[in-house]
């Protein structure tokens, strides 16, 4: 496991100046969720002539260490020409840590660099194949299994009936948002459900308001991270976040704008439900 904070028996490039006078390695990259998995997009570069030469000669290589505690995954992915790397969604879940690095492809004898700090100046080292020469800034993202990401916005909502309730009740504490209807309303709901033409109207009447409220909860969590709702571990919450971020192309500003417009965001999740609902109403006598 790579650790930028520990001491190595030879100089290592880090995201800050330590063993080298001026050379740093951050390891610029982004992660985007796509329909078939998570993609790491590296944009690695280094401003050190000798290190760059060793990279071009193939003696060193850029790489990414991927670690996921939930699935016991730990792997090293070598990077060529900054090509995007796909992570299968079945292999990662919840917190995923990714660390950019530079590693040796082969044994390098008499390794030295004119940018070494005075402590290492004039010393030559042997770097063995697989050993790290540079460690970038560790990042983390939250991954979901494919079956955690509910594709149809309305299916994050579960309906049931109750003989004791007199008005609709909504509960966000489960993995699905649970809507409980009074018994008579629930019977009407089921009766409408037998007619596929009425699905969009059912969404407009029942699902949209609930999803708007759910997006409001997520927006409040985003605005007040020190006073979160506690629902962020629930599947409905993760599903909304994942799909809105996908729509926002993983742009944080676009994502936050969607959260500030919960009705618009709900319509996006439900594939412009209002258009179909209005079309259905317009055809009624």
C-alpha atoms as a PDB file:
ATOM      1  CA  UNK A   1       0.000   0.000   0.000  1.00  0.00           C
ATOM      2  CA  UNK A   2       1.432   3.366  -1.041  1.00  0.00           C
ATOM      3  CA  UNK A   3       1.837   5.974   1.662  1.00  0.00           C
ATOM      4  CA  UNK A   4       3.108   9.433   0.821  1.00  0.00           C
ATOM      5  CA  UNK A   5       3.900  10.181   4.470  1.00  0.00           C
ATOM      6  CA  UNK A   6       6.378   7.396   5.243  1.00  0.00           C
ATOM      7  CA  UNK A   7      10.134   7.513   4.737  1.00  0.00           C
ATOM      8  CA  UNK A   8      11.616   5.363   1.959  1.00  0.00           C
ATOM      9  CA  UNK A   9      15.267   4.214   1.813  1.00  0.00           C
ATOM     10  CA  UNK A  10      15.781   6.449  -1.224  1.00  0.00           C
ATOM     11  CA  UNK A  11      14.350   9.789  -2.442  1.00  0.00           C
ATOM     12  CA  UNK A  12      10.697   9.702  -3.542  1.00  0.00           C
ATOM     13  CA  UNK A  13       8.820  12.400  -5.461  1.00  0.00           C
ATOM     14  CA  UNK A  14       5.708  13.530  -3.571  1.00  0.00           C
ATOM     15  CA  UNK A  15       2.864  16.036  -4.087  1.00  0.00           C
ATOM     16  CA  UNK A  16       5.001  18.506  -2.138  1.00  0.00           C
ATOM     17  CA  UNK A  17       8.716  19.300  -1.995  1.00  0.00           C
ATOM     18  CA  UNK A  18      10.616  17.001   0.338  1.00  0.00           C
ATOM     19  CA  UNK A  19      13.249  14.667  -1.134  1.00  0.00           C
ATOM     20  CA  UNK A  20      13.576  16.801  -4.275  1.00  0.00           C
ATOM     21  CA  UNK A  21      14.225  20.536  -4.358  1.00  0.00           C
ATOM     22  CA  UNK A  22      11.623  21.499  -6.942  1.00  0.00           C
ATOM     23  CA  UNK A  23      10.084  18.332  -8.366  1.00  0.00           C
ATOM     24  CA  UNK A  24       6.575  17.403  -7.256  1.00  0.00           C
ATOM     25  CA  UNK A  25       4.041  14.869  -8.559  1.00  0.00           C
ATOM     26  CA  UNK A  26       0.360  15.441  -7.928  1.00  0.00           C
ATOM     27  CA  UNK A  27      -0.987  13.033 -10.528  1.00  0.00           C
ATOM     28  CA  UNK A  28      -3.888  14.952 -12.012  1.00  0.00           C
ATOM     29  CA  UNK A  29      -6.906  12.746 -12.732  1.00  0.00           C
ATOM     30  CA  UNK A  30     -10.698  12.630 -12.724  1.00  0.00           C
ATOM     31  CA  UNK A  31     -13.199   9.809 -12.171  1.00  0.00           C
ATOM     32  CA  UNK A  32     -16.471   9.698 -14.087  1.00  0.00           C
ATOM     33  CA  UNK A  33     -19.368   7.267 -13.571  1.00  0.00           C
ATOM     34  CA  UNK A  34     -20.604   5.830 -16.870  1.00  0.00           C
ATOM     35  CA  UNK A  35     -23.367   3.353 -17.673  1.00  0.00           C
ATOM     36  CA  UNK A  36     -20.937   0.403 -17.792  1.00  0.00           C
ATOM     37  CA  UNK A  37     -18.573   1.302 -14.946  1.00  0.00           C
ATOM     38  CA  UNK A  38     -16.291   3.940 -13.472  1.00  0.00           C
ATOM     39  CA  UNK A  39     -13.597   5.497 -15.652  1.00  0.00           C
ATOM     40  CA  UNK A  40     -10.339   6.994 -14.392  1.00  0.00           C
ATOM     41  CA  UNK A  41      -9.029   9.714 -16.697  1.00  0.00           C
ATOM     42  CA  UNK A  42      -5.339  10.393 -15.917  1.00  0.00           C
ATOM     43  CA  UNK A  43      -3.518  13.504 -17.060  1.00  0.00           C
ATOM     44  CA  UNK A  44      -0.077  12.735 -15.653  1.00  0.00           C
ATOM     45  CA  UNK A  45       3.037  14.797 -16.287  1.00  0.00           C
ATOM     46  CA  UNK A  46       6.274  15.603 -14.466  1.00  0.00           C
ATOM     47  CA  UNK A  47       8.660  18.524 -14.748  1.00  0.00           C
ATOM     48  CA  UNK A  48      11.937  16.691 -14.282  1.00  0.00           C
ATOM     49  CA  UNK A  49      14.126  15.961 -17.296  1.00  0.00           C
ATOM     50  CA  UNK A  50      15.791  12.803 -15.952  1.00  0.00           C
ATOM     51  CA  UNK A  51      12.529  11.264 -14.701  1.00  0.00           C
ATOM     52  CA  UNK A  52      10.819  12.115 -17.992  1.00  0.00           C
ATOM     53  CA  UNK A  53      13.658  10.426 -19.909  1.00  0.00           C
ATOM     54  CA  UNK A  54      13.307   7.235 -17.826  1.00  0.00           C
ATOM     55  CA  UNK A  55       9.557   7.279 -18.485  1.00  0.00           C
ATOM     56  CA  UNK A  56      10.108   7.625 -22.220  1.00  0.00           C
ATOM     57  CA  UNK A  57      12.671   4.790 -22.149  1.00  0.00           C
ATOM     58  CA  UNK A  58      10.133   2.557 -20.401  1.00  0.00           C
ATOM     59  CA  UNK A  59      12.305   2.083 -17.323  1.00  0.00           C
ATOM     60  CA  UNK A  60       9.695   3.941 -15.285  1.00  0.00           C
ATOM     61  CA  UNK A  61       5.943   4.046 -15.793  1.00  0.00           C
ATOM     62  CA  UNK A  62       3.002   6.016 -14.499  1.00  0.00           C
ATOM     63  CA  UNK A  63       0.513   3.885 -12.591  1.00  0.00           C
ATOM     64  CA  UNK A  64      -2.531   4.051 -10.326  1.00  0.00           C
ATOM     65  CA  UNK A  65      -3.018   1.996  -7.166  1.00  0.00           C
ATOM     66  CA  UNK A  66      -6.691   1.184  -6.601  1.00  0.00           C
ATOM     67  CA  UNK A  67      -7.880   0.009  -3.196  1.00  0.00           C
ATOM     68  CA  UNK A  68     -11.408  -0.837  -2.014  1.00  0.00           C
ATOM     69  CA  UNK A  69     -11.763  -2.160   1.531  1.00  0.00           C
ATOM     70  CA  UNK A  70     -15.379  -3.277   1.006  1.00  0.00           C
ATOM     71  CA  UNK A  71     -14.463  -5.728  -1.751  1.00  0.00           C
ATOM     72  CA  UNK A  72     -10.861  -6.499  -0.696  1.00  0.00           C
ATOM     73  CA  UNK A  73      -9.660  -5.131  -4.018  1.00  0.00           C
ATOM     74  CA  UNK A  74      -6.120  -3.852  -4.350  1.00  0.00           C
ATOM     75  CA  UNK A  75      -4.506  -3.575  -7.765  1.00  0.00           C
ATOM     76  CA  UNK A  76      -1.911  -1.572  -9.628  1.00  0.00           C
ATOM     77  CA  UNK A  77      -2.860  -0.292 -13.062  1.00  0.00           C
ATOM     78  CA  UNK A  78      -0.039   0.823 -15.355  1.00  0.00           C
ATOM     79  CA  UNK A  79      -0.836   3.906 -17.429  1.00  0.00           C
ATOM     80  CA  UNK A  80       0.239   4.344 -21.057  1.00  0.00           C
ATOM     81  CA  UNK A  81      -0.271   7.621 -22.929  1.00  0.00           C
ATOM     82  CA  UNK A  82      -2.714   8.783 -20.256  1.00  0.00           C
ATOM     83  CA  UNK A  83      -5.370   6.376 -21.546  1.00  0.00           C
ATOM     84  CA  UNK A  84      -8.593   6.155 -19.517  1.00  0.00           C
ATOM     85  CA  UNK A  85      -8.961   3.072 -17.322  1.00  0.00           C
ATOM     86  CA  UNK A  86     -12.260   1.321 -16.614  1.00  0.00           C
ATOM     87  CA  UNK A  87     -13.117  -0.046 -13.166  1.00  0.00           C
ATOM     88  CA  UNK A  88     -15.801  -2.731 -13.280  1.00  0.00           C
ATOM     89  CA  UNK A  89     -18.695  -1.782 -10.965  1.00  0.00           C
ATOM     90  CA  UNK A  90     -18.894  -5.375  -9.701  1.00  0.00           C
ATOM     91  CA  UNK A  91     -15.367  -5.094  -8.260  1.00  0.00           C
ATOM     92  CA  UNK A  92     -15.744  -1.916  -6.213  1.00  0.00           C
ATOM     93  CA  UNK A  93     -18.294  -0.719  -3.691  1.00  0.00           C
ATOM     94  CA  UNK A  94     -18.582   2.269  -1.370  1.00  0.00           C
ATOM     95  CA  UNK A  95     -15.255   4.008  -0.581  1.00  0.00           C
ATOM     96  CA  UNK A  96     -12.595   3.566  -3.289  1.00  0.00           C
ATOM     97  CA  UNK A  97      -9.125   5.080  -2.921  1.00  0.00           C
ATOM     98  CA  UNK A  98      -6.910   5.773  -5.931  1.00  0.00           C
ATOM     99  CA  UNK A  99      -3.281   6.858  -5.691  1.00  0.00           C
ATOM    100  CA  UNK A 100      -1.260   8.022  -8.721  1.00  0.00           C
ATOM    101  CA  UNK A 101       2.346   6.878  -8.702  1.00  0.00           C
ATOM    102  CA  UNK A 102       5.519   6.357 -10.709  1.00  0.00           C
ATOM    103  CA  UNK A 103       7.082   2.904 -10.453  1.00  0.00           C
ATOM    104  CA  UNK A 104      10.100   1.118 -11.885  1.00  0.00           C
ATOM    105  CA  UNK A 105       9.472  -1.340 -14.714  1.00  0.00           C
ATOM    106  CA  UNK A 106      12.941  -2.817 -14.306  1.00  0.00           C
ATOM    107  CA  UNK A 107      15.941  -2.590 -12.017  1.00  0.00           C
ATOM    108  CA  UNK A 108      17.643   0.798 -12.306  1.00  0.00           C
ATOM    109  CA  UNK A 109      21.227   0.934 -11.087  1.00  0.00           C
ATOM    110  CA  UNK A 110      23.033   4.138 -10.121  1.00  0.00           C
ATOM    111  CA  UNK A 111      19.774   6.035  -9.827  1.00  0.00           C
ATOM    112  CA  UNK A 112      20.377   9.696  -9.045  1.00  0.00           C
ATOM    113  CA  UNK A 113      18.882  13.059  -9.912  1.00  0.00           C
ATOM    114  CA  UNK A 114      20.293  16.593 -10.021  1.00  0.00           C
ATOM    115  CA  UNK A 115      17.198  17.805  -8.138  1.00  0.00           C
ATOM    116  CA  UNK A 116      17.860  15.682  -5.020  1.00  0.00           C
ATOM    117  CA  UNK A 117      17.959  17.739  -1.822  1.00  0.00           C
ATOM    118  CA  UNK A 118      21.374  18.170  -0.219  1.00  0.00           C
ATOM    119  CA  UNK A 119      20.896  15.138   2.058  1.00  0.00           C
ATOM    120  CA  UNK A 120      20.796  12.802  -0.988  1.00  0.00           C
ATOM    121  CA  UNK A 121      23.016  14.798  -3.334  1.00  0.00           C
ATOM    122  CA  UNK A 122      25.709  12.715  -5.076  1.00  0.00           C
ATOM    123  CA  UNK A 123      24.298   9.434  -3.718  1.00  0.00           C
ATOM    124  CA  UNK A 124      23.404   6.692  -6.210  1.00  0.00           C
ATOM    125  CA  UNK A 125      20.665   4.169  -5.493  1.00  0.00           C
ATOM    126  CA  UNK A 126      19.463   0.861  -6.887  1.00  0.00           C
ATOM    127  CA  UNK A 127      15.748   0.912  -7.638  1.00  0.00           C
ATOM    128  CA  UNK A 128      14.271  -2.570  -8.058  1.00  0.00           C
ATOM    129  CA  UNK A 129      11.465  -3.431 -10.464  1.00  0.00           C
ATOM    130  CA  UNK A 130       8.104  -2.609  -8.910  1.00  0.00           C
ATOM    131  CA  UNK A 131       9.483  -0.084  -6.433  1.00  0.00           C
ATOM    132  CA  UNK A 132       7.921   3.358  -6.256  1.00  0.00           C
ATOM    133  CA  UNK A 133       9.760   6.478  -7.416  1.00  0.00           C
ATOM    134  CA  UNK A 134       6.892   8.952  -7.091  1.00  0.00           C
ATOM    135  CA  UNK A 135       3.621   9.096  -5.162  1.00  0.00           C
ATOM    136  CA  UNK A 136       0.864  11.550  -6.061  1.00  0.00           C
ATOM    137  CA  UNK A 137      -2.138  12.869  -4.205  1.00  0.00           C
ATOM    138  CA  UNK A 138      -4.527  10.153  -3.009  1.00  0.00           C
ATOM    139  CA  UNK A 139      -8.177  10.580  -4.027  1.00  0.00           C
ATOM    140  CA  UNK A 140     -11.350   8.800  -2.952  1.00  0.00           C
ATOM    141  CA  UNK A 141     -14.798   8.363  -4.462  1.00  0.00           C
ATOM    142  CA  UNK A 142     -17.950   6.478  -3.527  1.00  0.00           C
ATOM    143  CA  UNK A 143     -18.852   3.613  -5.857  1.00  0.00           C
ATOM    144  CA  UNK A 144     -22.088   1.664  -6.138  1.00  0.00           C
ATOM    145  CA  UNK A 145     -22.737  -1.830  -7.414  1.00  0.00           C
ATOM    146  CA  UNK A 146     -24.735  -1.752 -10.644  1.00  0.00           C
ATOM    147  CA  UNK A 147     -27.819  -3.065  -8.874  1.00  0.00           C
ATOM    148  CA  UNK A 148     -27.507  -0.273  -6.283  1.00  0.00           C
ATOM    149  CA  UNK A 149     -28.055   2.339  -8.981  1.00  0.00           C
ATOM    150  CA  UNK A 150     -31.775   2.226  -9.636  1.00  0.00           C
ATOM    151  CA  UNK A 151     -32.231   3.123 -13.293  1.00  0.00           C
ATOM    152  CA  UNK A 152     -35.873   4.203 -13.188  1.00  0.00           C
ATOM    153  CA  UNK A 153     -36.366   7.144 -10.844  1.00  0.00           C
ATOM    154  CA  UNK A 154     -39.838   6.010  -9.811  1.00  0.00           C
ATOM    155  CA  UNK A 155     -38.563   2.626  -8.637  1.00  0.00           C
ATOM    156  CA  UNK A 156     -36.713   4.156  -5.693  1.00  0.00           C
ATOM    157  CA  UNK A 157     -40.199   4.569  -4.256  1.00  0.00           C
ATOM    158  CA  UNK A 158     -42.205   1.724  -2.685  1.00  0.00           C
ATOM    159  CA  UNK A 159     -45.964   1.916  -2.109  1.00  0.00           C
ATOM    160  CA  UNK A 160     -48.086   0.134   0.470  1.00  0.00           C
ATOM    161  CA  UNK A 161     -51.468   0.559   2.104  1.00  0.00           C
ATOM    162  CA  UNK A 162     -52.632   0.980   5.693  1.00  0.00           C
ATOM    163  CA  UNK A 163     -56.033   0.542   7.286  1.00  0.00           C
ATOM    164  CA  UNK A 164     -55.162   2.923  10.119  1.00  0.00           C
ATOM    165  CA  UNK A 165     -53.828   5.944   8.197  1.00  0.00           C
ATOM    166  CA  UNK A 166     -56.085   8.762   7.082  1.00  0.00           C
ATOM    167  CA  UNK A 167     -53.491  10.608   5.024  1.00  0.00           C
ATOM    168  CA  UNK A 168     -50.397   9.781   3.003  1.00  0.00           C
ATOM    169  CA  UNK A 169     -47.226   9.015   4.949  1.00  0.00           C
ATOM    170  CA  UNK A 170     -43.648   9.096   3.628  1.00  0.00           C
ATOM    171  CA  UNK A 171     -40.606   7.403   5.215  1.00  0.00           C
ATOM    172  CA  UNK A 172     -37.022   7.973   3.995  1.00  0.00           C
ATOM    173  CA  UNK A 173     -35.284   5.737   6.533  1.00  0.00           C
ATOM    174  CA  UNK A 174     -35.117   2.596   4.344  1.00  0.00           C
ATOM    175  CA  UNK A 175     -33.175   1.770   1.188  1.00  0.00           C
ATOM    176  CA  UNK A 176     -36.333   2.594  -0.747  1.00  0.00           C
ATOM    177  CA  UNK A 177     -38.516   5.609  -0.016  1.00  0.00           C
ATOM    178  CA  UNK A 178     -41.641   4.110   1.501  1.00  0.00           C
ATOM    179  CA  UNK A 179     -45.011   5.761   0.763  1.00  0.00           C
ATOM    180  CA  UNK A 180     -47.936   4.477   2.778  1.00  0.00           C
ATOM    181  CA  UNK A 181     -51.412   5.311   1.489  1.00  0.00           C
ATOM    182  CA  UNK A 182     -54.759   4.986   3.264  1.00  0.00           C
ATOM    183  CA  UNK A 183     -56.382   1.696   2.291  1.00  0.00           C
ATOM    184  CA  UNK A 184     -58.898   3.187  -0.180  1.00  0.00           C
ATOM    185  CA  UNK A 185     -56.228   5.296  -1.902  1.00  0.00           C
ATOM    186  CA  UNK A 186     -53.951   2.257  -2.125  1.00  0.00           C
ATOM    187  CA  UNK A 187     -56.689   0.266  -3.845  1.00  0.00           C
ATOM    188  CA  UNK A 188     -57.145   3.121  -6.337  1.00  0.00           C
ATOM    189  CA  UNK A 189     -53.374   3.208  -6.835  1.00  0.00           C
ATOM    190  CA  UNK A 190     -53.266  -0.506  -7.634  1.00  0.00           C
ATOM    191  CA  UNK A 191     -56.235  -0.211  -9.973  1.00  0.00           C
ATOM    192  CA  UNK A 192     -54.488   2.573 -11.910  1.00  0.00           C
ATOM    193  CA  UNK A 193     -51.322   0.502 -11.985  1.00  0.00           C
ATOM    194  CA  UNK A 194     -53.012  -2.141 -14.098  1.00  0.00           C
ATOM    195  CA  UNK A 195     -53.197   0.411 -16.941  1.00  0.00           C
ATOM    196  CA  UNK A 196     -49.733   1.214 -18.341  1.00  0.00           C
ATOM    197  CA  UNK A 197     -51.069   4.399 -19.920  1.00  0.00           C
ATOM    198  CA  UNK A 198     -51.606   5.788 -16.416  1.00  0.00           C
ATOM    199  CA  UNK A 199     -48.048   5.153 -15.144  1.00  0.00           C
ATOM    200  CA  UNK A 200     -46.834   8.688 -15.906  1.00  0.00           C
ATOM    201  CA  UNK A 201     -49.878  10.181 -14.196  1.00  0.00           C
ATOM    202  CA  UNK A 202     -49.201   8.061 -11.119  1.00  0.00           C
ATOM    203  CA  UNK A 203     -45.635   9.367 -11.105  1.00  0.00           C
ATOM    204  CA  UNK A 204     -46.869  12.955 -11.441  1.00  0.00           C
ATOM    205  CA  UNK A 205     -49.342  12.594  -8.573  1.00  0.00           C
ATOM    206  CA  UNK A 206     -47.250  10.537  -6.128  1.00  0.00           C
ATOM    207  CA  UNK A 207     -43.612   9.953  -7.120  1.00  0.00           C
ATOM    208  CA  UNK A 208     -42.570  13.411  -8.277  1.00  0.00           C
ATOM    209  CA  UNK A 209     -43.432  15.240  -5.024  1.00  0.00           C
ATOM    210  CA  UNK A 210     -41.623  12.602  -2.970  1.00  0.00           C
ATOM    211  CA  UNK A 211     -38.507  12.694  -5.163  1.00  0.00           C
ATOM    212  CA  UNK A 212     -38.538  16.497  -4.975  1.00  0.00           C
ATOM    213  CA  UNK A 213     -38.509  16.186  -1.175  1.00  0.00           C
ATOM    214  CA  UNK A 214     -35.716  13.607  -1.355  1.00  0.00           C
ATOM    215  CA  UNK A 215     -33.586  15.903  -3.538  1.00  0.00           C
ATOM    216  CA  UNK A 216     -34.256  18.663  -0.999  1.00  0.00           C
ATOM    217  CA  UNK A 217     -32.807  16.423   1.716  1.00  0.00           C
ATOM    218  CA  UNK A 218     -29.688  15.785  -0.367  1.00  0.00           C
ATOM    219  CA  UNK A 219     -29.355  19.496  -1.127  1.00  0.00           C
ATOM    220  CA  UNK A 220     -29.581  20.338   2.575  1.00  0.00           C
ATOM    221  CA  UNK A 221     -26.847  17.775   3.325  1.00  0.00           C
ATOM    222  CA  UNK A 222     -24.658  19.329   0.648  1.00  0.00           C
ATOM    223  CA  UNK A 223     -25.180  22.802   2.134  1.00  0.00           C
ATOM    224  CA  UNK A 224     -24.680  21.690   5.731  1.00  0.00           C
ATOM    225  CA  UNK A 225     -22.138  18.823   5.765  1.00  0.00           C
ATOM    226  CA  UNK A 226     -21.770  19.085   9.552  1.00  0.00           C
ATOM    227  CA  UNK A 227     -25.482  18.398  10.091  1.00  0.00           C
ATOM    228  CA  UNK A 228     -26.294  15.642   7.628  1.00  0.00           C
ATOM    229  CA  UNK A 229     -29.579  13.768   7.546  1.00  0.00           C
ATOM    230  CA  UNK A 230     -27.988  10.343   8.041  1.00  0.00           C
ATOM    231  CA  UNK A 231     -29.726   9.054   4.897  1.00  0.00           C
ATOM    232  CA  UNK A 232     -26.596   9.189   2.723  1.00  0.00           C
ATOM    233  CA  UNK A 233     -26.011   5.434   3.192  1.00  0.00           C
ATOM    234  CA  UNK A 234     -29.442   4.542   1.786  1.00  0.00           C
ATOM    235  CA  UNK A 235     -29.821   3.181  -1.749  1.00  0.00           C
ATOM    236  CA  UNK A 236     -32.412   5.785  -2.781  1.00  0.00           C
ATOM    237  CA  UNK A 237     -30.024   8.562  -1.722  1.00  0.00           C
ATOM    238  CA  UNK A 238     -27.020   7.049  -3.521  1.00  0.00           C
ATOM    239  CA  UNK A 239     -29.136   6.424  -6.624  1.00  0.00           C
ATOM    240  CA  UNK A 240     -30.277  10.037  -6.873  1.00  0.00           C
ATOM    241  CA  UNK A 241     -26.754  11.337  -6.298  1.00  0.00           C
ATOM    242  CA  UNK A 242     -25.222   8.932  -8.851  1.00  0.00           C
ATOM    243  CA  UNK A 243     -27.754   9.730 -11.570  1.00  0.00           C
ATOM    244  CA  UNK A 244     -27.674  13.493 -11.058  1.00  0.00           C
ATOM    245  CA  UNK A 245     -23.863  13.479 -11.113  1.00  0.00           C
ATOM    246  CA  UNK A 246     -23.976  11.415 -14.305  1.00  0.00           C
ATOM    247  CA  UNK A 247     -26.359  13.950 -15.857  1.00  0.00           C
ATOM    248  CA  UNK A 248     -24.078  16.782 -14.674  1.00  0.00           C
ATOM    249  CA  UNK A 249     -21.115  15.028 -16.325  1.00  0.00           C
ATOM    250  CA  UNK A 250     -19.429  14.865 -12.931  1.00  0.00           C
ATOM    251  CA  UNK A 251     -19.178  18.669 -12.856  1.00  0.00           C
ATOM    252  CA  UNK A 252     -19.611  19.711  -9.230  1.00  0.00           C
ATOM    253  CA  UNK A 253     -21.063  23.136 -10.095  1.00  0.00           C
ATOM    254  CA  UNK A 254     -23.657  21.632 -12.460  1.00  0.00           C
ATOM    255  CA  UNK A 255     -24.537  19.031  -9.821  1.00  0.00           C
ATOM    256  CA  UNK A 256     -25.090  21.690  -7.152  1.00  0.00           C
ATOM    257  CA  UNK A 257     -27.278  23.692  -9.538  1.00  0.00           C
ATOM    258  CA  UNK A 258     -29.449  20.607 -10.043  1.00  0.00           C
ATOM    259  CA  UNK A 259     -29.797  20.216  -6.276  1.00  0.00           C
ATOM    260  CA  UNK A 260     -30.909  23.849  -6.065  1.00  0.00           C
ATOM    261  CA  UNK A 261     -33.717  23.061  -8.540  1.00  0.00           C
ATOM    262  CA  UNK A 262     -35.287  19.895  -7.086  1.00  0.00           C
ATOM    263  CA  UNK A 263     -38.361  19.868  -9.336  1.00  0.00           C
ATOM    264  CA  UNK A 264     -36.216  20.099 -12.485  1.00  0.00           C
ATOM    265  CA  UNK A 265     -33.890  17.423 -11.089  1.00  0.00           C
ATOM    266  CA  UNK A 266     -36.858  15.140 -10.339  1.00  0.00           C
ATOM    267  CA  UNK A 267     -38.099  15.526 -13.910  1.00  0.00           C
ATOM    268  CA  UNK A 268     -34.633  14.572 -15.161  1.00  0.00           C
ATOM    269  CA  UNK A 269     -34.668  11.421 -13.022  1.00  0.00           C
ATOM    270  CA  UNK A 270     -38.136  10.535 -14.313  1.00  0.00           C
ATOM    271  CA  UNK A 271     -37.204  11.184 -17.966  1.00  0.00           C
ATOM    272  CA  UNK A 272     -39.411  14.284 -18.391  1.00  0.00           C
ATOM    273  CA  UNK A 273     -42.429  12.615 -16.804  1.00  0.00           C
ATOM    274  CA  UNK A 274     -44.591  15.767 -17.040  1.00  0.00           C
ATOM    275  CA  UNK A 275     -44.573  15.677 -20.855  1.00  0.00           C
ATOM    276  CA  UNK A 276     -46.118  12.185 -20.930  1.00  0.00           C
ATOM    277  CA  UNK A 277     -48.532  13.015 -18.110  1.00  0.00           C
ATOM    278  CA  UNK A 278     -49.801  16.141 -19.887  1.00  0.00           C
ATOM    279  CA  UNK A 279     -50.099  14.237 -23.166  1.00  0.00           C
ATOM    280  CA  UNK A 280     -52.233  11.616 -21.414  1.00  0.00           C
ATOM    281  CA  UNK A 281     -54.464  14.287 -19.847  1.00  0.00           C
ATOM    282  CA  UNK A 282     -54.896  16.046 -23.179  1.00  0.00           C
ATOM    283  CA  UNK A 283     -56.246  12.840 -24.755  1.00  0.00           C
ATOM    284  CA  UNK A 284     -58.889  12.363 -22.068  1.00  0.00           C
ATOM    285  CA  UNK A 285     -62.494  13.340 -22.791  1.00  0.00           C
END
